Amino acid sequence: MEEEKEFMRKAIALAQKGMSENEGGPFGAVVVKNGKIVGIGNNRVTSTNDPTAHAEVVAIRDACKNLNTFQLSDCQIYTSCEPCPMCLGAIYWARPEKVYFGSSKIDAAQIGFDDQFIYEEINIDFDNRKIKMIHLLRDEAQKVFEGWETKTDKTEY
């Protein structure tokens, strides 16, 4: 468990560094494979004007680039805070074997990073969401899906 603690300390240090350098919120993450850090990230939302530049997403992108893959099987993610819904989605798509987190989503909410409304929105019908979701041109969009089904040279994921 000492090795895991060191990786978590690195994620926490990245959170501190990014916050101190005004790159974004107080969040950091590392991706580890075979006992080696292969990706790092800290929150860079405000410094890059990118609402998706959360620590976990930045670290996943870095690891995928470094490993030349779009999946992180056999990897672990260490993040200074329990992942938000967006990061959780990214983590599931990346398919690591395990995620370690420091602070909880309750801890994050106490300092102004409350994502509970997003968890609630997911279960609400499109018509009743705070941001309207409008189903448009489904038939035309489906043609692309039909093309995917018959595509013979696709890379499955």
N, C-alpha and C. Protein backbone atom coordinates (compact mmCIF):
# COMPACT_ATOMS: atom_id res chain seq x y z
N MET A 1 0.82 -1.20 0.00
CA MET A 1 0.00 0.00 0.00
C MET A 1 0.86 1.27 0.00
N GLU A 2 2.14 1.14 0.30
CA GLU A 2 3.01 2.32 0.31
C GLU A 2 3.17 2.91 -1.10
N GLU A 3 3.30 2.04 -2.10
CA GLU A 3 3.43 2.52 -3.47
C GLU A 3 2.18 3.31 -3.88
N GLU A 4 1.00 2.79 -3.53
CA GLU A 4 -0.26 3.46 -3.85
C GLU A 4 -0.31 4.84 -3.20
N LYS A 5 0.16 4.93 -1.96
CA LYS A 5 0.16 6.21 -1.26
C LYS A 5 1.08 7.22 -1.95
N GLU A 6 2.21 6.74 -2.47
CA GLU A 6 3.12 7.65 -3.17
C GLU A 6 2.50 8.18 -4.46
N PHE A 7 1.79 7.33 -5.17
CA PHE A 7 1.11 7.79 -6.39
C PHE A 7 0.02 8.80 -6.04
N MET A 8 -0.72 8.54 -4.96
CA MET A 8 -1.75 9.49 -4.54
C MET A 8 -1.12 10.81 -4.11
N ARG A 9 0.01 10.74 -3.44
CA ARG A 9 0.71 11.98 -3.05
C ARG A 9 1.13 12.78 -4.28
N LYS A 10 1.50 12.09 -5.35
CA LYS A 10 1.86 12.78 -6.60
C LYS A 10 0.63 13.49 -7.18
N ALA A 11 -0.51 12.82 -7.15
CA ALA A 11 -1.76 13.44 -7.64
C ALA A 11 -2.10 14.67 -6.80
N ILE A 12 -1.95 14.55 -5.50
CA ILE A 12 -2.23 15.67 -4.59
C ILE A 12 -1.25 16.81 -4.85
N ALA A 13 0.01 16.48 -5.08
CA ALA A 13 1.02 17.51 -5.38
C ALA A 13 0.69 18.23 -6.69
N LEU A 14 0.20 17.50 -7.68
CA LEU A 14 -0.20 18.13 -8.94
C LEU A 14 -1.38 19.06 -8.72
N ALA A 15 -2.30 18.66 -7.84
CA ALA A 15 -3.43 19.53 -7.50
C ALA A 15 -2.94 20.83 -6.88
N GLN A 16 -2.02 20.71 -5.95
CA GLN A 16 -1.47 21.88 -5.27
C GLN A 16 -0.73 22.79 -6.24
N LYS A 17 0.10 22.18 -7.09
CA LYS A 17 0.89 22.95 -8.04
C LYS A 17 -0.01 23.70 -9.02
N GLY A 18 -0.98 23.00 -9.59
CA GLY A 18 -1.89 23.64 -10.54
C GLY A 18 -2.68 24.76 -9.91
N MET A 19 -3.13 24.55 -8.69
CA MET A 19 -3.86 25.58 -7.98
C MET A 19 -2.96 26.78 -7.69
N SER A 20 -1.76 26.52 -7.21
CA SER A 20 -0.81 27.59 -6.87
C SER A 20 -0.41 28.41 -8.09
N GLU A 21 -0.37 27.76 -9.25
CA GLU A 21 0.02 28.44 -10.48
C GLU A 21 -1.19 28.99 -11.25
N ASN A 22 -2.36 28.97 -10.59
CA ASN A 22 -3.60 29.50 -11.17
C ASN A 22 -3.97 28.88 -12.51
N GLU A 23 -3.72 27.57 -12.63
CA GLU A 23 -4.10 26.87 -13.86
C GLU A 23 -5.55 26.40 -13.82
N GLY A 24 -6.09 26.27 -12.62
CA GLY A 24 -7.47 25.80 -12.47
C GLY A 24 -7.74 25.41 -11.04
N GLY A 25 -8.78 24.62 -10.86
CA GLY A 25 -9.19 24.20 -9.52
C GLY A 25 -8.20 23.25 -8.87
N PRO A 26 -8.45 22.92 -7.61
CA PRO A 26 -7.51 22.13 -6.80
C PRO A 26 -7.61 20.62 -7.01
N PHE A 27 -7.30 20.19 -8.24
CA PHE A 27 -7.44 18.77 -8.57
C PHE A 27 -6.22 18.29 -9.37
N GLY A 28 -5.77 17.08 -9.06
CA GLY A 28 -4.64 16.48 -9.76
C GLY A 28 -4.88 15.00 -9.96
N ALA A 29 -4.20 14.43 -10.97
CA ALA A 29 -4.36 13.00 -11.24
C ALA A 29 -3.13 12.44 -11.92
N VAL A 30 -2.88 11.16 -11.69
CA VAL A 30 -1.83 10.44 -12.40
C VAL A 30 -2.38 9.10 -12.88
N VAL A 31 -1.83 8.64 -14.00
CA VAL A 31 -2.15 7.31 -14.52
C VAL A 31 -0.89 6.48 -14.38
N VAL A 32 -1.05 5.28 -13.85
CA VAL A 32 0.07 4.39 -13.56
C VAL A 32 -0.10 3.07 -14.31
N LYS A 33 1.00 2.60 -14.88
CA LYS A 33 1.01 1.27 -15.51
C LYS A 33 2.30 0.58 -15.11
N ASN A 34 2.16 -0.64 -14.64
CA ASN A 34 3.31 -1.44 -14.22
C ASN A 34 4.20 -0.68 -13.23
N GLY A 35 3.58 0.01 -12.30
CA GLY A 35 4.33 0.71 -11.26
C GLY A 35 5.02 1.98 -11.70
N LYS A 36 4.69 2.47 -12.91
CA LYS A 36 5.32 3.68 -13.44
C LYS A 36 4.25 4.68 -13.86
N ILE A 37 4.48 5.96 -13.56
CA ILE A 37 3.54 7.00 -13.99
C ILE A 37 3.68 7.18 -15.49
N VAL A 38 2.54 7.04 -16.19
CA VAL A 38 2.54 7.18 -17.65
C VAL A 38 1.73 8.39 -18.11
N GLY A 39 1.04 9.03 -17.19
CA GLY A 39 0.25 10.21 -17.53
C GLY A 39 0.02 11.06 -16.30
N ILE A 40 0.09 12.37 -16.47
CA ILE A 40 -0.16 13.29 -15.35
C ILE A 40 -1.12 14.37 -15.80
N GLY A 41 -1.81 14.94 -14.82
CA GLY A 41 -2.70 16.05 -15.14
C GLY A 41 -3.13 16.80 -13.90
N ASN A 42 -3.38 18.07 -14.10
CA ASN A 42 -4.03 18.87 -13.06
C ASN A 42 -5.12 19.68 -13.75
N ASN A 43 -6.04 20.17 -12.99
CA ASN A 43 -7.14 20.93 -13.54
C ASN A 43 -6.60 22.16 -14.25
N ARG A 44 -7.02 22.35 -15.50
CA ARG A 44 -6.57 23.48 -16.32
C ARG A 44 -7.74 24.20 -16.97
N VAL A 45 -8.89 24.11 -16.34
CA VAL A 45 -10.10 24.69 -16.93
C VAL A 45 -9.94 26.18 -17.19
N THR A 46 -9.55 26.94 -16.19
CA THR A 46 -9.52 28.39 -16.34
C THR A 46 -8.33 28.88 -17.15
N SER A 47 -7.22 28.19 -17.10
CA SER A 47 -6.03 28.65 -17.83
C SER A 47 -6.08 28.32 -19.32
N THR A 48 -6.91 27.34 -19.70
CA THR A 48 -7.02 26.95 -21.10
C THR A 48 -8.39 27.27 -21.69
N ASN A 49 -9.27 27.82 -20.86
CA ASN A 49 -10.65 28.09 -21.30
C ASN A 49 -11.30 26.84 -21.88
N ASP A 50 -11.06 25.73 -21.20
CA ASP A 50 -11.58 24.43 -21.64
C ASP A 50 -12.33 23.78 -20.48
N PRO A 51 -13.65 23.77 -20.51
CA PRO A 51 -14.41 23.18 -19.40
C PRO A 51 -14.20 21.68 -19.22
N THR A 52 -13.58 21.02 -20.21
CA THR A 52 -13.31 19.59 -20.09
C THR A 52 -11.91 19.29 -19.56
N ALA A 53 -11.13 20.33 -19.28
CA ALA A 53 -9.73 20.13 -18.86
C ALA A 53 -9.63 19.83 -17.37
N HIS A 54 -10.41 18.86 -16.91
CA HIS A 54 -10.31 18.39 -15.52
C HIS A 54 -9.07 17.52 -15.40
N ALA A 55 -8.57 17.39 -14.20
CA ALA A 55 -7.32 16.67 -13.96
C ALA A 55 -7.34 15.26 -14.54
N GLU A 56 -8.42 14.53 -14.31
CA GLU A 56 -8.48 13.15 -14.79
C GLU A 56 -8.45 13.10 -16.31
N VAL A 57 -9.18 13.99 -16.96
CA VAL A 57 -9.22 14.01 -18.42
C VAL A 57 -7.84 14.37 -18.97
N VAL A 58 -7.19 15.36 -18.37
CA VAL A 58 -5.85 15.75 -18.80
C VAL A 58 -4.88 14.58 -18.63
N ALA A 59 -4.96 13.89 -17.50
CA ALA A 59 -4.07 12.75 -17.25
C ALA A 59 -4.35 11.58 -18.20
N ILE A 60 -5.63 11.32 -18.48
CA ILE A 60 -5.99 10.26 -19.42
C ILE A 60 -5.45 10.58 -20.81
N ARG A 61 -5.63 11.82 -21.24
CA ARG A 61 -5.13 12.23 -22.56
C ARG A 61 -3.60 12.06 -22.63
N ASP A 62 -2.93 12.47 -21.55
CA ASP A 62 -1.47 12.37 -21.51
C ASP A 62 -1.03 10.90 -21.57
N ALA A 63 -1.67 10.06 -20.78
CA ALA A 63 -1.32 8.64 -20.76
C ALA A 63 -1.58 7.98 -22.11
N CYS A 64 -2.72 8.27 -22.71
CA CYS A 64 -3.04 7.67 -24.01
C CYS A 64 -2.04 8.10 -25.07
N LYS A 65 -1.65 9.36 -25.03
CA LYS A 65 -0.63 9.85 -25.97
C LYS A 65 0.70 9.12 -25.73
N ASN A 66 1.11 9.04 -24.47
CA ASN A 66 2.39 8.41 -24.14
C ASN A 66 2.41 6.92 -24.43
N LEU A 67 1.28 6.25 -24.27
CA LEU A 67 1.20 4.81 -24.51
C LEU A 67 0.76 4.47 -25.93
N ASN A 68 0.37 5.49 -26.69
CA ASN A 68 -0.10 5.31 -28.06
C ASN A 68 -1.28 4.33 -28.12
N THR A 69 -2.29 4.62 -27.29
CA THR A 69 -3.48 3.79 -27.24
C THR A 69 -4.67 4.63 -26.79
N PHE A 70 -5.87 4.12 -27.06
CA PHE A 70 -7.06 4.84 -26.59
C PHE A 70 -7.72 4.13 -25.41
N GLN A 71 -7.07 3.08 -24.92
CA GLN A 71 -7.58 2.38 -23.74
C GLN A 71 -6.47 2.18 -22.74
N LEU A 72 -6.83 2.30 -21.48
CA LEU A 72 -5.84 2.21 -20.40
C LEU A 72 -6.02 0.96 -19.56
N SER A 73 -6.29 -0.16 -20.24
CA SER A 73 -6.37 -1.42 -19.50
C SER A 73 -5.01 -1.68 -18.87
N ASP A 74 -5.02 -2.36 -17.76
CA ASP A 74 -3.80 -2.63 -16.98
C ASP A 74 -3.21 -1.36 -16.36
N CYS A 75 -4.00 -0.30 -16.28
CA CYS A 75 -3.56 0.94 -15.64
C CYS A 75 -4.43 1.24 -14.42
N GLN A 76 -3.90 2.09 -13.58
CA GLN A 76 -4.65 2.59 -12.43
C GLN A 76 -4.63 4.12 -12.52
N ILE A 77 -5.70 4.73 -12.06
CA ILE A 77 -5.77 6.18 -12.00
C ILE A 77 -5.82 6.59 -10.53
N TYR A 78 -4.99 7.54 -10.19
CA TYR A 78 -4.96 8.13 -8.85
C TYR A 78 -5.40 9.57 -9.02
N THR A 79 -6.44 9.96 -8.33
CA THR A 79 -6.96 11.31 -8.46
C THR A 79 -7.18 11.91 -7.08
N SER A 80 -6.85 13.18 -6.94
CA SER A 80 -6.90 13.82 -5.63
C SER A 80 -8.32 13.96 -5.10
N CYS A 81 -9.33 13.76 -5.98
CA CYS A 81 -10.73 13.86 -5.56
C CYS A 81 -11.58 12.87 -6.33
N GLU A 82 -12.64 12.41 -5.71
CA GLU A 82 -13.59 11.53 -6.39
C GLU A 82 -14.02 12.16 -7.71
N PRO A 83 -13.98 11.41 -8.80
CA PRO A 83 -14.28 11.99 -10.11
C PRO A 83 -15.71 12.52 -10.24
N CYS A 84 -15.83 13.64 -10.96
CA CYS A 84 -17.13 14.21 -11.29
C CYS A 84 -17.79 13.32 -12.35
N PRO A 85 -19.04 13.57 -12.70
CA PRO A 85 -19.70 12.73 -13.71
C PRO A 85 -18.97 12.70 -15.06
N MET A 86 -18.46 13.83 -15.52
CA MET A 86 -17.75 13.85 -16.80
C MET A 86 -16.49 12.98 -16.72
N CYS A 87 -15.72 13.17 -15.66
CA CYS A 87 -14.48 12.40 -15.50
C CYS A 87 -14.78 10.92 -15.31
N LEU A 88 -15.84 10.63 -14.59
CA LEU A 88 -16.23 9.24 -14.39
C LEU A 88 -16.54 8.59 -15.74
N GLY A 89 -17.24 9.32 -16.60
CA GLY A 89 -17.51 8.82 -17.94
C GLY A 89 -16.22 8.58 -18.72
N ALA A 90 -15.31 9.55 -18.66
CA ALA A 90 -14.02 9.40 -19.36
C ALA A 90 -13.24 8.20 -18.83
N ILE A 91 -13.29 8.03 -17.52
CA ILE A 91 -12.59 6.89 -16.90
C ILE A 91 -13.18 5.57 -17.39
N TYR A 92 -14.50 5.47 -17.42
CA TYR A 92 -15.10 4.23 -17.90
C TYR A 92 -14.76 3.97 -19.36
N TRP A 93 -14.72 5.02 -20.20
CA TRP A 93 -14.36 4.83 -21.59
C TRP A 93 -12.89 4.42 -21.73
N ALA A 94 -12.03 4.93 -20.86
CA ALA A 94 -10.60 4.58 -20.91
C ALA A 94 -10.33 3.17 -20.40
N ARG A 95 -11.22 2.65 -19.56
CA ARG A 95 -11.17 1.28 -19.06
C ARG A 95 -9.94 0.92 -18.22
N PRO A 96 -9.56 1.76 -17.26
CA PRO A 96 -8.48 1.34 -16.36
C PRO A 96 -9.00 0.22 -15.46
N GLU A 97 -8.08 -0.45 -14.78
CA GLU A 97 -8.52 -1.54 -13.91
C GLU A 97 -8.96 -1.05 -12.54
N LYS A 98 -8.51 0.15 -12.14
CA LYS A 98 -8.79 0.61 -10.78
C LYS A 98 -8.63 2.12 -10.70
N VAL A 99 -9.40 2.75 -9.80
CA VAL A 99 -9.28 4.18 -9.53
C VAL A 99 -9.15 4.38 -8.03
N TYR A 100 -8.15 5.14 -7.64
CA TYR A 100 -7.96 5.55 -6.24
C TYR A 100 -8.29 7.04 -6.17
N PHE A 101 -8.99 7.47 -5.13
CA PHE A 101 -9.28 8.89 -5.00
C PHE A 101 -9.07 9.35 -3.56
N GLY A 102 -8.71 10.63 -3.42
CA GLY A 102 -8.44 11.23 -2.11
C GLY A 102 -9.71 11.81 -1.50
N SER A 103 -9.97 13.07 -1.76
CA SER A 103 -11.17 13.72 -1.23
C SER A 103 -12.41 13.14 -1.89
N SER A 104 -13.55 13.31 -1.23
CA SER A 104 -14.81 12.80 -1.76
C SER A 104 -15.58 13.90 -2.48
N LYS A 105 -16.64 13.51 -3.20
CA LYS A 105 -17.48 14.51 -3.87
C LYS A 105 -18.17 15.41 -2.85
N ILE A 106 -18.39 14.90 -1.65
CA ILE A 106 -18.97 15.72 -0.58
C ILE A 106 -17.95 16.78 -0.14
N ASP A 107 -16.69 16.38 -0.02
CA ASP A 107 -15.63 17.34 0.32
C ASP A 107 -15.55 18.43 -0.75
N ALA A 108 -15.64 18.03 -2.02
CA ALA A 108 -15.56 19.00 -3.12
C ALA A 108 -16.74 19.96 -3.09
N ALA A 109 -17.91 19.44 -2.80
CA ALA A 109 -19.10 20.29 -2.74
C ALA A 109 -18.96 21.35 -1.65
N GLN A 110 -18.30 21.00 -0.58
CA GLN A 110 -18.14 21.94 0.53
C GLN A 110 -17.26 23.15 0.18
N ILE A 111 -16.47 23.03 -0.91
CA ILE A 111 -15.65 24.18 -1.32
C ILE A 111 -16.14 24.75 -2.66
N GLY A 112 -17.37 24.42 -3.04
CA GLY A 112 -17.98 25.02 -4.22
C GLY A 112 -17.96 24.20 -5.49
N PHE A 113 -17.50 22.96 -5.44
CA PHE A 113 -17.48 22.09 -6.62
C PHE A 113 -18.53 21.00 -6.45
N ASP A 114 -19.79 21.39 -6.57
CA ASP A 114 -20.91 20.48 -6.33
C ASP A 114 -21.48 20.00 -7.66
N ASP A 115 -21.36 18.72 -7.94
CA ASP A 115 -21.83 18.14 -9.19
C ASP A 115 -23.14 17.36 -9.03
N GLN A 116 -23.75 17.43 -7.87
CA GLN A 116 -24.95 16.64 -7.62
C GLN A 116 -26.04 16.91 -8.65
N PHE A 117 -26.16 18.18 -9.08
CA PHE A 117 -27.20 18.52 -10.06
C PHE A 117 -27.01 17.76 -11.36
N ILE A 118 -25.77 17.44 -11.72
CA ILE A 118 -25.54 16.69 -12.96
C ILE A 118 -25.99 15.24 -12.78
N TYR A 119 -25.66 14.65 -11.65
CA TYR A 119 -26.15 13.29 -11.39
C TYR A 119 -27.67 13.24 -11.49
N GLU A 120 -28.34 14.26 -10.97
CA GLU A 120 -29.81 14.31 -11.00
C GLU A 120 -30.33 14.53 -12.41
N GLU A 121 -29.67 15.38 -13.18
CA GLU A 121 -30.12 15.69 -14.55
C GLU A 121 -30.10 14.46 -15.44
N ILE A 122 -29.16 13.58 -15.24
CA ILE A 122 -29.03 12.38 -16.08
C ILE A 122 -30.31 11.56 -16.06
N ASN A 123 -30.99 11.53 -14.94
CA ASN A 123 -32.20 10.72 -14.78
C ASN A 123 -33.49 11.44 -15.13
N ILE A 124 -33.41 12.68 -15.59
CA ILE A 124 -34.60 13.46 -15.93
C ILE A 124 -34.85 13.35 -17.43
N ASP A 125 -36.14 13.27 -17.82
CA ASP A 125 -36.49 13.26 -19.24
C ASP A 125 -35.92 14.48 -19.93
N PHE A 126 -35.58 14.34 -21.19
CA PHE A 126 -34.99 15.44 -21.97
C PHE A 126 -35.79 16.73 -21.84
N ASP A 127 -37.10 16.62 -21.92
CA ASP A 127 -37.96 17.81 -21.91
C ASP A 127 -37.92 18.57 -20.59
N ASN A 128 -37.47 17.94 -19.53
CA ASN A 128 -37.51 18.58 -18.21
C ASN A 128 -36.13 18.97 -17.68
N ARG A 129 -35.10 18.81 -18.48
CA ARG A 129 -33.76 19.16 -18.02
C ARG A 129 -33.56 20.68 -18.01
N LYS A 130 -32.64 21.13 -17.20
CA LYS A 130 -32.34 22.57 -17.11
C LYS A 130 -31.80 23.11 -18.43
N ILE A 131 -31.00 22.31 -19.13
CA ILE A 131 -30.57 22.65 -20.48
C ILE A 131 -31.40 21.77 -21.42
N LYS A 132 -32.17 22.40 -22.26
CA LYS A 132 -33.06 21.65 -23.14
C LYS A 132 -32.27 20.75 -24.08
N MET A 133 -32.73 19.54 -24.23
CA MET A 133 -32.17 18.56 -25.14
C MET A 133 -33.22 18.30 -26.21
N ILE A 134 -32.90 18.61 -27.47
CA ILE A 134 -33.88 18.53 -28.53
C ILE A 134 -33.45 17.46 -29.53
N HIS A 135 -34.28 16.48 -29.71
CA HIS A 135 -34.04 15.36 -30.63
C HIS A 135 -34.32 15.86 -32.04
N LEU A 136 -33.32 15.87 -32.92
CA LEU A 136 -33.46 16.49 -34.24
C LEU A 136 -32.75 15.67 -35.31
N LEU A 137 -33.42 15.44 -36.43
CA LEU A 137 -32.88 14.73 -37.61
C LEU A 137 -32.34 13.33 -37.28
N ARG A 138 -33.09 12.60 -36.46
CA ARG A 138 -32.66 11.25 -36.10
C ARG A 138 -32.46 10.36 -37.32
N ASP A 139 -33.39 10.40 -38.28
CA ASP A 139 -33.29 9.54 -39.46
C ASP A 139 -31.97 9.77 -40.20
N GLU A 140 -31.59 11.03 -40.36
CA GLU A 140 -30.34 11.34 -41.06
C GLU A 140 -29.13 10.90 -40.23
N ALA A 141 -29.20 11.11 -38.93
CA ALA A 141 -28.10 10.71 -38.06
C ALA A 141 -27.95 9.18 -38.05
N GLN A 142 -29.04 8.47 -38.11
CA GLN A 142 -29.02 7.01 -38.10
C GLN A 142 -28.28 6.44 -39.30
N LYS A 143 -28.27 7.16 -40.43
CA LYS A 143 -27.58 6.67 -41.63
C LYS A 143 -26.09 6.50 -41.36
N VAL A 144 -25.51 7.38 -40.55
CA VAL A 144 -24.10 7.24 -40.20
C VAL A 144 -23.90 5.97 -39.36
N PHE A 145 -24.83 5.72 -38.43
CA PHE A 145 -24.75 4.50 -37.61
C PHE A 145 -24.86 3.25 -38.49
N GLU A 146 -25.73 3.30 -39.48
CA GLU A 146 -25.87 2.17 -40.40
C GLU A 146 -24.55 1.94 -41.14
N GLY A 147 -23.89 3.02 -41.53
CA GLY A 147 -22.59 2.91 -42.18
C GLY A 147 -21.55 2.29 -41.26
N TRP A 148 -21.62 2.64 -39.97
CA TRP A 148 -20.68 2.06 -39.00
C TRP A 148 -20.89 0.56 -38.88
N GLU A 149 -22.14 0.15 -38.87
CA GLU A 149 -22.44 -1.29 -38.74
C GLU A 149 -21.85 -2.12 -39.87
N THR A 150 -21.80 -1.55 -41.06
CA THR A 150 -21.32 -2.31 -42.21
C THR A 150 -19.86 -2.01 -42.56
N LYS A 151 -19.26 -1.07 -41.87
CA LYS A 151 -17.86 -0.70 -42.13
C LYS A 151 -16.95 -1.89 -41.80
N THR A 152 -16.13 -2.29 -42.74
CA THR A 152 -15.31 -3.49 -42.54
C THR A 152 -13.93 -3.18 -41.96
N ASP A 153 -13.48 -1.94 -42.03
CA ASP A 153 -12.15 -1.61 -41.54
C ASP A 153 -12.17 -0.75 -40.27
N LYS A 154 -13.24 -0.88 -39.48
CA LYS A 154 -13.35 -0.06 -38.28
C LYS A 154 -12.50 -0.63 -37.14
N THR A 155 -12.10 0.26 -36.26
CA THR A 155 -11.40 -0.15 -35.05
C THR A 155 -12.42 -0.19 -33.92
N GLU A 156 -12.69 -1.35 -33.42
CA GLU A 156 -13.68 -1.51 -32.34
C GLU A 156 -13.13 -0.94 -31.04
N TYR A 157 -14.02 -0.43 -30.24
CA TYR A 157 -13.66 0.02 -28.90
C TYR A 157 -14.81 -0.08 -27.96
